[in-house]
């Protein structure tokens, strides 16, 4: 997907054009085909029932797919996929106890306009012979996907990249909501909200609150059922093209779903 010997564009420039993480170019996941198969089934189980933890996944693997997998293996693969089994459901990031946590600012808030509240998350995307991670930012009012990135690793880099891309297109929101995963509590990510010029407040989900990021979770479900599971992408390049086409169509549907739906255009919302 990225040509390291390209004479016209640097690796960084190619990554920016393709919307993928720079760190992901140099990292290749080393997971056996058998484990990838199990992870793909686990992804289906979780997508269908987001409250599934280790026990539920273990039971469903055997009941639905005839796969007997030990508790330790399931937990290891959940960590690899970025799933954390907490009540009422798993999350796609894992917290770091040494990082600063921010308060949840959206409790009881009525969303009335674009750029009021944004949220972000990470999800596992299966390929024919591997997997990648997808992060995206959604506007709570318009429900449009503002920016997204693919990566081979769960580093904080692609979370920062997608944030800066969205801000570059639409300016800062009033509140930016994440979960308490280590990617979002990292100094590299939180520093973006401390820099001069940032007008957004950083909000973090309450511990164990799967509904705090409900809009992005719904988008993951739609993406996987309507595209990922049906297409079976071979590699990251094919996956990128497919997801881009899907998000373009998804945003277009959001744009035309209401005659008064606000749409982002050159950092200013307009009414259609």
Foldseek 3Di string as FASTA:
>chain_A
DADCPDPPDHSVRVCVVLFAFSVQVPDDDDDDQVLLVLLVQLQVVCLVPQQDDLVNSQVCCCVPVVDHDDSVSSVVSCVVFQWDNFPSGTFNFAADPPFDAAAADCVPDDDDDWLAEKEKGKGWFHALRGTWIKMFIATPQLLATQFMYIHRDPALRSVQVRVVSSCVQANHGQEYEYERGHSCRPCVNVVVCVDPPRNHDYHYDDPNDPCSPVSVSVVVSCCCVVFRVVPRHHDDVRVSVRVVVVSVVVSVCSLPVDQQRWDGDRNDTDGD
